[in-house]
Protein backbone atom coordinates (compact mmCIF):
# COMPACT_ATOMS: atom_id res chain seq x y z
CA MET A 1 -0.21 -0.09 -0.18
CA ILE A 2 1.43 3.39 -0.91
CA LYS A 3 0.96 5.94 1.93
CA LEU A 4 1.11 9.86 1.59
CA LYS A 5 4.18 10.51 2.84
CA ASP A 6 5.90 8.16 0.60
CA ILE A 7 4.22 10.10 -2.47
CA LEU A 8 5.57 13.59 -1.12
CA LEU A 9 8.93 12.44 -0.94
CA GLU A 10 9.00 10.62 -4.50
CA ILE A 11 7.85 13.96 -5.74
CA GLY A 12 10.11 16.00 -3.74
CA ASP A 13 13.35 14.14 -3.74
CA GLY A 14 12.67 12.71 -7.25
CA SER A 15 13.85 9.39 -5.50
CA ALA A 16 11.97 6.99 -7.50
CA LYS A 17 13.79 4.52 -9.39
CA SER A 18 14.07 5.59 -13.04
CA PHE A 19 13.95 2.66 -15.79
CA ALA A 20 16.82 2.14 -18.02
CA PHE A 21 16.30 4.39 -21.34
CA LYS A 22 18.19 4.06 -24.71
CA LYS A 23 18.59 7.31 -27.73
CA ILE A 24 17.14 5.47 -30.17
CA THR A 25 17.54 8.42 -33.30
CA GLY A 26 18.53 11.66 -33.54
CA ASP A 27 21.97 14.12 -33.92
CA SER A 28 23.93 14.74 -31.00
CA ALA A 29 24.68 18.12 -29.75
CA GLU A 30 28.21 17.93 -31.45
CA ASP A 31 27.01 16.67 -34.52
CA TYR A 32 23.92 19.51 -34.54
CA LYS A 33 24.74 21.89 -37.28
CA GLY A 34 21.90 24.75 -36.05
CA ASN A 35 20.32 25.07 -39.47
CA ASP A 36 17.41 22.61 -38.97
CA ILE A 37 15.17 20.92 -36.73
CA THR A 38 16.29 17.65 -35.33
CA GLU A 39 14.06 15.40 -33.47
CA LEU A 40 15.48 13.17 -30.56
CA ILE A 41 13.73 10.08 -29.38
CA TYR A 42 14.10 7.83 -26.46
CA LYS A 43 12.46 4.65 -25.42
CA PHE A 44 12.25 2.55 -22.41
CA THR A 45 10.08 -0.22 -20.85
CA THR A 46 8.42 0.09 -17.37
CA ASP A 47 7.94 -3.36 -15.00
CA LYS A 48 4.69 -3.59 -16.12
CA LYS A 49 5.82 -3.64 -20.03
CA THR A 50 4.57 -0.40 -21.01
CA ILE A 51 6.78 1.19 -23.66
CA TYR A 52 7.14 4.92 -23.72
CA MET A 53 8.57 7.11 -26.29
CA VAL A 54 10.15 10.57 -25.54
CA SER A 55 10.56 13.01 -28.02
CA ILE A 56 13.16 15.99 -27.60
CA ASP A 57 12.41 18.63 -31.12
CA VAL A 58 15.25 20.81 -31.38
CA ASP A 59 15.31 23.68 -33.41
CA THR A 60 17.81 26.92 -34.07
CA TRP A 61 16.83 30.23 -31.87
CA THR A 62 17.74 33.18 -33.61
CA GLY A 63 15.03 35.71 -31.87
CA GLY A 64 16.16 38.15 -28.82
CA SER A 65 19.09 39.63 -27.67
CA ASP A 66 20.86 37.05 -26.05
CA GLY A 67 22.55 35.58 -28.78
CA PRO A 68 22.06 32.24 -31.12
CA GLY A 69 21.33 28.80 -29.75
CA ILE A 70 17.91 26.36 -29.40
CA GLN A 71 14.85 25.88 -28.51
CA ALA A 72 13.38 22.22 -27.41
CA GLU A 73 10.07 20.88 -26.77
CA ILE A 74 9.30 17.65 -25.29
CA ASN A 75 7.17 15.24 -26.06
CA PHE A 76 6.08 11.92 -24.18
CA GLY A 77 3.80 8.83 -24.32
CA ALA A 78 2.85 5.48 -24.17
CA GLN A 79 2.73 3.26 -26.88
CA THR A 80 -0.64 1.89 -28.07
CA PRO A 81 -2.17 -1.75 -28.92
CA GLY A 82 -1.85 -0.28 -32.63
CA GLY A 83 1.66 0.91 -32.46
CA GLY A 84 0.76 4.84 -32.62
CA HIS A 85 1.50 6.80 -29.19
CA SER A 86 -1.09 8.40 -26.74
CA LEU A 87 -0.06 11.41 -24.28
CA ASP A 88 -3.21 9.86 -21.79
CA ASP A 89 -3.02 8.64 -18.42
CA THR A 90 -0.96 5.59 -18.73
CA ASN A 91 1.11 5.30 -15.97
CA MET A 92 -0.73 2.24 -14.36
CA GLY A 93 0.60 2.74 -10.63
CA GLU A 94 4.38 3.71 -11.90
CA GLN A 95 4.10 7.52 -12.67
CA TYR A 96 7.03 8.20 -10.25
CA GLN A 97 9.28 6.39 -12.00
CA VAL A 98 8.30 6.83 -15.67
CA MET A 99 8.47 11.05 -13.81
CA SER A 100 11.56 9.93 -12.89
CA THR A 101 12.56 8.74 -16.19
CA ILE A 102 11.70 11.56 -18.17
CA LYS A 103 13.30 13.83 -15.98
CA ASP A 104 17.15 11.66 -16.33
CA ILE A 105 15.90 11.64 -20.17
CA VAL A 106 15.72 15.52 -20.19
CA PHE A 107 18.56 16.25 -17.80
CA GLU A 108 20.97 13.76 -19.79
CA PHE A 109 19.76 16.24 -22.87
CA ILE A 110 20.22 19.25 -21.08
CA GLU A 111 24.21 18.78 -19.74
CA GLU A 112 25.34 17.23 -23.11
CA TRP A 113 23.81 20.15 -25.01
CA GLN A 114 24.22 23.08 -22.96
CA ASP A 115 28.16 22.25 -23.43
CA HIS A 116 27.52 22.94 -27.53
CA TRP A 117 24.39 25.30 -27.34
CA TYR A 118 22.90 27.56 -25.33
CA ILE A 119 19.32 26.53 -24.48
CA HIS A 120 17.11 29.63 -24.61
CA SER A 121 13.77 27.41 -23.61
CA ILE A 122 12.49 23.59 -23.15
CA GLU A 123 8.67 23.77 -23.53
CA VAL A 124 6.88 21.11 -21.48
CA SER A 125 3.10 21.04 -22.02
CA PRO A 126 0.82 19.06 -19.49
CA ILE A 127 -1.61 17.98 -21.89
CA LYS A 128 -3.19 14.66 -22.81
CA SER A 129 -4.04 13.47 -26.58
CA GLU A 130 -7.06 14.86 -28.57
CA ASP A 131 -8.98 11.86 -27.36
CA GLY A 132 -7.87 12.55 -23.54
CA GLY A 133 -9.93 15.36 -22.78
CA ASP A 134 -7.47 17.85 -21.55
CA ASP A 135 -7.11 19.38 -24.78
CA ASP A 136 -9.82 21.83 -24.71
CA VAL A 137 -8.60 23.33 -21.35
CA MET A 138 -7.44 26.57 -21.68
CA ASP A 139 -5.19 26.59 -18.04
CA ALA A 140 -3.74 23.04 -18.75
CA VAL A 141 -1.13 24.06 -15.82
CA ASP A 142 -3.77 24.44 -13.59
CA THR A 143 -4.95 20.87 -13.57
CA ARG A 144 -3.82 17.74 -11.91
CA ARG A 145 -1.32 16.76 -14.31
CA GLY A 146 -0.09 20.24 -14.54
CA LYS A 147 0.41 20.94 -10.57
CA LEU A 148 2.19 17.41 -10.42
CA TYR A 149 4.47 18.40 -13.57
CA LEU A 150 5.07 21.66 -12.00
CA ALA A 151 6.15 20.55 -8.27
CA TYR A 152 8.31 18.28 -9.85
CA ILE A 153 9.92 20.43 -12.32
CA ARG A 154 10.54 23.43 -9.71
CA LYS A 155 12.20 20.22 -7.37
CA GLN A 156 14.28 18.55 -9.87
CA LEU A 157 15.85 21.61 -11.44
CA PRO A 158 18.34 22.86 -8.57
CA LYS A 159 20.05 19.56 -9.23
CA LEU A 160 21.14 20.65 -12.84
CA ASP A 161 24.81 21.78 -13.00
CA LYS A 162 23.86 25.44 -14.49
CA PRO A 163 20.96 27.48 -12.88
CA TYR A 164 17.76 27.07 -14.65
CA THR A 165 13.83 28.43 -13.66
CA VAL A 166 10.52 27.18 -15.00
CA ARG A 167 8.12 29.91 -16.03
CA VAL A 168 4.67 28.78 -16.22
CA PHE A 169 1.96 29.86 -19.05
CA ASN A 170 -1.69 29.16 -19.28
CA ASP A 171 -0.61 25.79 -21.09
CA TYR A 172 2.80 25.00 -20.83
CA PHE A 173 5.86 25.62 -18.99
CA LEU A 174 9.36 27.00 -20.09
CA ILE A 175 12.86 25.94 -18.68
CA GLN A 176 15.02 28.57 -19.23
CA PRO A 177 18.62 29.51 -18.51
CA GLN A 178 19.65 31.77 -15.44
CA PHE A 179 22.93 32.38 -16.93
CA GLU A 180 23.50 34.66 -19.83
CA ASN A 181 24.58 32.91 -23.27
CA PRO A 182 28.39 32.09 -23.42
CA TYR A 183 28.21 31.48 -27.25
CA ASP A 184 27.03 34.90 -27.79
CA GLN A 185 28.93 36.73 -30.36
CA ALA A 186 27.17 40.43 -29.81
């Protein structure tokens, strides 16, 4: 039986054990030339045999006064019986391990890419797929899912090598650096 204290500890410190994951496609930060969109795809399987795919879409950032860099968007979902992927609730009692694994994937991405590119922002949307019902919610960050993601993100960001913060918008979060662009040529 799961106790409330255990849940709060898992959200607070991310102590849930991650699943093993593998990058299955996408450029490395060193190979990325900054002139096109690249999609990094990671895959992991839970103890209950649910297969998750995590996609990190990377694009060149040229706007703003803080110089060139990249922006990214994180999407993840479970594989459906037909071979597609769903963003609906699929945790099957493994949500904290799933969140921990996704955090590990995102942190691996940040730690690798920030050494080659200034990461202007990473967008995370706490919505379900179209058939899940949350697409119609204008303030998705105010949903139960959104509040859980935000609490988790805020607790985990200080564990990165460099300082990042999270900004909250109606239907997404932006993870952004709290340091100047070291690659800015201006």
